[in-house]
Amino acid sequence: MTTIATEPAYKVWAVDDVVYGPVSQSVVLEWIAEQRIVAGMWLYPMASKKWLKAGDLPELQETLASALAAGLTAPVVVSPLVAGVPVGALRKVAMLSAMNDQQLGRFAQFMEIAKVTQFELVVEHGDPGDAMYVVLAGSLRVRQMVAGKETVIATLRVGDVFGEISLFDQGPRSADVLANEDSTLLVIGADRFVEFTQKMPEVALSLLLAISRTMASRIRADNERHKQDLLVLQNVKQH
């Protein structure tokens, strides 16, 4: 029986901070020739199961050298591998700032990208929570409807996170979230988050600590608002 050799496969941590693949070695070589992949970018050879820089992989060095000899001395990326995802967007997310390059690349394997249009409802009050969202581009607002009127609780901008509590309890959403403009969101589903913590506990730890700090900060802020509301109420009663 003849054994058919399987072409090596790789995941690629692209310039838009999102991991793509697996893709075949022939595709990787094409992207090197187009300089969509350069020596300093991180690749994940499926056989090695670890992140390595493209320039450190012997099977890619000849093609990288040829691209360099052709006069491409600096990265020239015509377009990101997925249009509309800003370059370096993940580095603007405070919750992910503790991760190093390799950790962020590994975490990116569990992410999904969602594009939403202006006025689109992303999260609806009362719906069961099943994902955490990170704003990569655009802006959204958190609102509650009271007597048919909209009360804006907060405006979410690039780097802001919402829905993180649902990663732990999948409870009902406490407010609506809708897009103020066309926006790009990073989505981490609750089921994928569980898989992430099981497969990469050392990477998950820093994210869990960051989520805990964010939640604690919000609880303190809510407590302070309640305290101020009580003071206002007491003053009204006294007068």
Protein backbone atom coordinates (compact mmCIF):
# COMPACT_ATOMS: atom_id res chain seq x y z
CA MET A 1 0.00 0.00 0.00
CA THR A 2 1.44 3.36 -1.06
CA THR A 3 1.66 6.06 1.62
CA ILE A 4 0.83 9.57 0.40
CA ALA A 5 2.95 12.23 2.05
CA THR A 6 0.98 14.98 3.74
CA GLU A 7 2.13 18.52 3.06
CA PRO A 8 3.14 20.39 6.24
CA ALA A 9 0.57 22.84 7.56
CA TYR A 10 0.91 26.06 9.52
CA LYS A 11 -1.15 28.63 11.37
CA VAL A 12 -0.19 32.21 10.61
CA TRP A 13 -0.36 35.07 13.09
CA ALA A 14 -1.14 37.85 10.63
CA VAL A 15 -0.56 41.60 10.71
CA ASP A 16 -4.14 42.17 11.86
CA ASP A 17 -3.39 40.25 15.09
CA VAL A 18 -5.58 37.31 14.12
CA VAL A 19 -4.46 33.73 13.57
CA TYR A 20 -5.38 32.07 10.26
CA GLY A 21 -5.12 28.52 9.09
CA PRO A 22 -4.02 25.89 9.12
CA VAL A 23 -2.75 26.56 5.60
CA SER A 24 -0.44 24.37 3.55
CA GLN A 25 3.28 24.98 3.14
CA SER A 26 2.77 25.86 -0.54
CA VAL A 27 0.36 28.64 0.48
CA VAL A 28 2.84 29.89 3.08
CA LEU A 29 5.56 30.02 0.40
CA GLU A 30 3.24 32.00 -1.87
CA TRP A 31 2.52 34.47 0.91
CA ILE A 32 6.25 34.85 1.55
CA ALA A 33 6.81 35.62 -2.14
CA GLU A 34 4.05 38.26 -1.90
CA GLN A 35 5.55 39.38 1.44
CA ARG A 36 2.32 38.82 3.28
CA ILE A 37 4.59 36.75 5.53
CA VAL A 38 8.03 38.09 6.49
CA ALA A 39 10.84 36.69 8.60
CA GLY A 40 9.72 38.32 11.84
CA MET A 41 6.15 37.01 11.78
CA TRP A 42 5.00 34.16 14.02
CA LEU A 43 4.00 30.82 12.51
CA TYR A 44 2.68 27.71 14.19
CA PRO A 45 3.89 24.54 12.38
CA MET A 46 1.23 21.98 13.23
CA ALA A 47 3.87 19.25 13.58
CA SER A 48 5.96 21.15 16.15
CA LYS A 49 2.99 22.49 18.18
CA LYS A 50 4.74 25.72 19.13
CA TRP A 51 5.01 29.25 17.81
CA LEU A 52 8.19 30.09 15.91
CA LYS A 53 9.30 33.03 13.82
CA ALA A 54 9.16 32.39 10.07
CA GLY A 55 12.86 33.19 9.74
CA ASP A 56 13.72 30.38 12.17
CA LEU A 57 12.05 27.67 10.08
CA PRO A 58 14.62 26.01 7.79
CA GLU A 59 12.06 25.01 5.16
CA LEU A 60 11.10 28.66 4.63
CA GLN A 61 14.51 30.33 4.73
CA GLU A 62 15.32 29.94 1.02
CA THR A 63 12.07 31.59 -0.05
CA LEU A 64 12.51 34.34 2.54
CA ALA A 65 16.03 34.99 1.23
CA SER A 66 14.74 35.12 -2.36
CA ALA A 67 12.10 37.68 -1.40
CA LEU A 68 14.77 39.75 0.32
CA ALA A 69 17.09 39.50 -2.69
CA ALA A 70 14.26 40.67 -4.92
CA GLY A 71 14.49 44.01 -3.16
CA LEU A 72 11.64 43.65 -0.68
CA THR A 73 13.53 44.92 2.34
CA ALA A 74 10.52 45.93 4.42
CA PRO A 75 7.06 44.46 4.92
CA VAL A 76 4.75 45.52 2.11
CA VAL A 77 1.28 44.24 2.92
CA VAL A 78 -1.19 45.22 0.23
CA SER A 79 -4.14 44.22 2.40
CA PRO A 80 -4.70 42.24 5.59
CA LEU A 81 -5.64 38.60 5.26
CA VAL A 82 -9.14 39.58 6.41
CA ALA A 83 -10.25 43.03 5.29
CA GLY A 84 -11.36 45.53 7.89
CA VAL A 85 -9.45 44.21 10.91
CA PRO A 86 -7.11 46.99 12.07
CA VAL A 87 -3.40 46.29 12.36
CA GLY A 88 -2.27 46.05 16.00
CA ALA A 89 -5.81 46.25 17.35
CA LEU A 90 -5.28 43.60 20.02
CA ARG A 91 -2.44 45.60 21.53
CA LYS A 92 -4.98 48.33 22.37
CA VAL A 93 -6.97 45.97 24.59
CA ALA A 94 -5.86 46.51 28.19
CA MET A 95 -7.22 43.11 29.23
CA LEU A 96 -4.74 41.42 26.85
CA SER A 97 -1.75 43.64 27.59
CA ALA A 98 -0.11 41.17 29.98
CA MET A 99 0.21 38.54 27.23
CA ASN A 100 3.46 38.28 25.31
CA ASP A 101 3.55 37.73 21.54
CA GLN A 102 3.39 33.95 21.70
CA GLN A 103 0.60 33.93 24.28
CA LEU A 104 -1.47 36.41 22.29
CA GLY A 105 -0.97 34.33 19.18
CA ARG A 106 -2.12 31.19 20.96
CA PHE A 107 -5.16 32.96 22.39
CA ALA A 108 -6.03 34.22 18.92
CA GLN A 109 -6.75 30.64 17.85
CA PHE A 110 -9.93 30.76 19.94
CA MET A 111 -11.20 34.08 18.61
CA GLU A 112 -13.83 34.93 16.02
CA ILE A 113 -14.28 38.24 14.22
CA ALA A 114 -17.73 39.79 13.86
CA LYS A 115 -18.60 42.79 11.68
CA VAL A 116 -21.68 44.76 12.75
CA THR A 117 -23.38 47.63 10.96
CA GLN A 118 -24.57 50.94 12.39
CA PHE A 119 -27.62 50.57 14.68
CA GLU A 120 -27.30 46.76 14.72
CA LEU A 121 -28.28 45.19 18.03
CA VAL A 122 -25.36 43.06 19.23
CA VAL A 123 -26.66 42.07 22.66
CA GLU A 124 -30.28 42.26 23.83
CA HIS A 125 -31.38 42.74 27.41
CA GLY A 126 -32.59 39.49 28.96
CA ASP A 127 -31.01 37.17 26.42
CA PRO A 128 -28.77 34.42 27.84
CA GLY A 129 -25.11 35.44 27.73
CA ASP A 130 -22.83 33.19 25.71
CA ALA A 131 -19.81 35.29 24.73
CA MET A 132 -17.45 38.10 25.63
CA TYR A 133 -16.84 40.88 23.12
CA VAL A 134 -13.87 43.17 22.50
CA VAL A 135 -14.22 46.32 20.38
CA LEU A 136 -11.53 46.33 17.67
CA ALA A 137 -12.94 49.18 15.58
CA GLY A 138 -15.88 51.56 15.77
CA SER A 139 -18.03 52.29 18.82
CA LEU A 140 -21.14 50.93 20.53
CA ARG A 141 -23.45 52.03 23.30
CA VAL A 142 -24.86 50.20 26.30
CA ARG A 143 -28.47 51.16 26.94
CA GLN A 144 -31.56 50.37 28.94
CA MET A 145 -35.09 51.17 27.80
CA VAL A 146 -37.17 52.83 30.53
CA ALA A 147 -40.80 53.67 29.75
CA GLY A 148 -40.02 53.46 26.06
CA LYS A 149 -37.11 55.89 26.32
CA GLU A 150 -33.45 55.05 25.84
CA THR A 151 -31.03 55.62 28.72
CA VAL A 152 -27.38 55.33 27.64
CA ILE A 153 -25.31 53.71 30.36
CA ALA A 154 -21.92 53.72 28.63
CA THR A 155 -20.17 54.19 25.30
CA LEU A 156 -17.78 51.43 24.23
CA ARG A 157 -14.75 52.31 22.12
CA VAL A 158 -11.70 50.54 20.68
CA GLY A 159 -10.15 48.28 23.33
CA ASP A 160 -13.25 48.14 25.54
CA VAL A 161 -14.70 44.79 26.63
CA PHE A 162 -18.27 43.76 27.42
CA GLY A 163 -20.10 40.56 28.28
CA GLU A 164 -17.22 39.04 30.25
CA ILE A 165 -19.50 37.86 33.08
CA SER A 166 -21.24 35.52 30.64
CA LEU A 167 -18.03 33.51 30.35
CA PHE A 168 -18.69 32.29 33.88
CA ASP A 169 -22.45 32.02 34.41
CA GLN A 170 -24.23 32.43 31.02
CA GLY A 171 -26.82 34.51 32.87
CA PRO A 172 -29.20 36.98 31.20
CA ARG A 173 -27.78 40.14 29.65
CA SER A 174 -28.32 43.18 31.86
CA ALA A 175 -28.65 45.71 29.01
CA ASP A 176 -28.79 46.18 25.26
CA VAL A 177 -25.61 46.85 23.30
CA LEU A 178 -25.92 48.30 19.81
CA ALA A 179 -23.52 49.79 17.30
CA ASN A 180 -23.19 53.56 16.98
CA GLU A 181 -21.38 52.98 13.67
CA ASP A 182 -20.04 50.11 11.57
CA SER A 183 -17.81 48.22 14.00
CA THR A 184 -15.51 45.21 14.25
CA LEU A 185 -15.73 42.96 17.29
CA LEU A 186 -13.64 40.15 18.65
CA VAL A 187 -15.87 37.38 20.00
CA ILE A 188 -14.88 34.72 22.54
CA GLY A 189 -17.69 32.23 23.05
CA ALA A 190 -18.21 30.69 26.48
CA ASP A 191 -17.60 27.18 25.14
CA ARG A 192 -14.41 28.22 23.38
CA PHE A 193 -13.27 30.03 26.53
CA VAL A 194 -13.63 26.81 28.54
CA GLU A 195 -11.60 24.99 25.89
CA PHE A 196 -8.99 27.75 26.02
CA THR A 197 -8.59 27.49 29.81
CA GLN A 198 -8.26 23.70 29.59
CA LYS A 199 -5.75 23.60 26.76
CA MET A 200 -3.69 26.66 27.69
CA PRO A 201 -4.05 27.21 31.45
CA GLU A 202 -0.81 29.17 31.72
CA VAL A 203 -2.04 31.68 29.11
CA ALA A 204 -5.58 31.73 30.50
CA LEU A 205 -4.35 32.72 33.96
CA SER A 206 -3.29 36.22 32.92
CA LEU A 207 -6.60 36.77 31.13
CA LEU A 208 -8.62 35.52 34.09
CA LEU A 209 -6.75 37.88 36.41
CA ALA A 210 -7.40 40.78 34.01
CA ILE A 211 -11.10 39.91 33.81
CA SER A 212 -11.24 39.72 37.62
CA ARG A 213 -9.66 43.16 37.94
CA THR A 214 -12.10 44.62 35.41
CA MET A 215 -15.10 43.12 37.18
CA ALA A 216 -13.85 44.31 40.57
CA SER A 217 -13.39 47.83 39.20
CA ARG A 218 -16.94 47.85 37.85
CA ILE A 219 -18.36 46.58 41.16
CA ARG A 220 -16.54 49.35 43.03
CA ALA A 221 -17.82 51.95 40.57
CA ASP A 222 -21.39 50.63 40.93
CA ASN A 223 -21.08 50.70 44.72
CA GLU A 224 -19.89 54.30 44.58
CA ARG A 225 -22.82 55.27 42.34
CA HIS A 226 -25.27 53.59 44.71
CA LYS A 227 -23.67 55.42 47.63
CA GLN A 228 -24.07 58.77 45.85
CA ASP A 229 -27.69 57.93 44.96
CA LEU A 230 -28.43 57.16 48.62
CA LEU A 231 -26.88 60.45 49.72
CA VAL A 232 -29.00 62.35 47.20
CA LEU A 233 -32.13 60.50 48.40
CA GLN A 234 -31.34 61.28 52.05
CA ASN A 235 -30.86 64.95 51.26
CA VAL A 236 -34.20 65.03 49.44
CA LYS A 237 -35.96 63.43 52.41
CA GLN A 238 -34.36 65.90 54.84
CA HIS A 239 -35.66 68.82 52.84
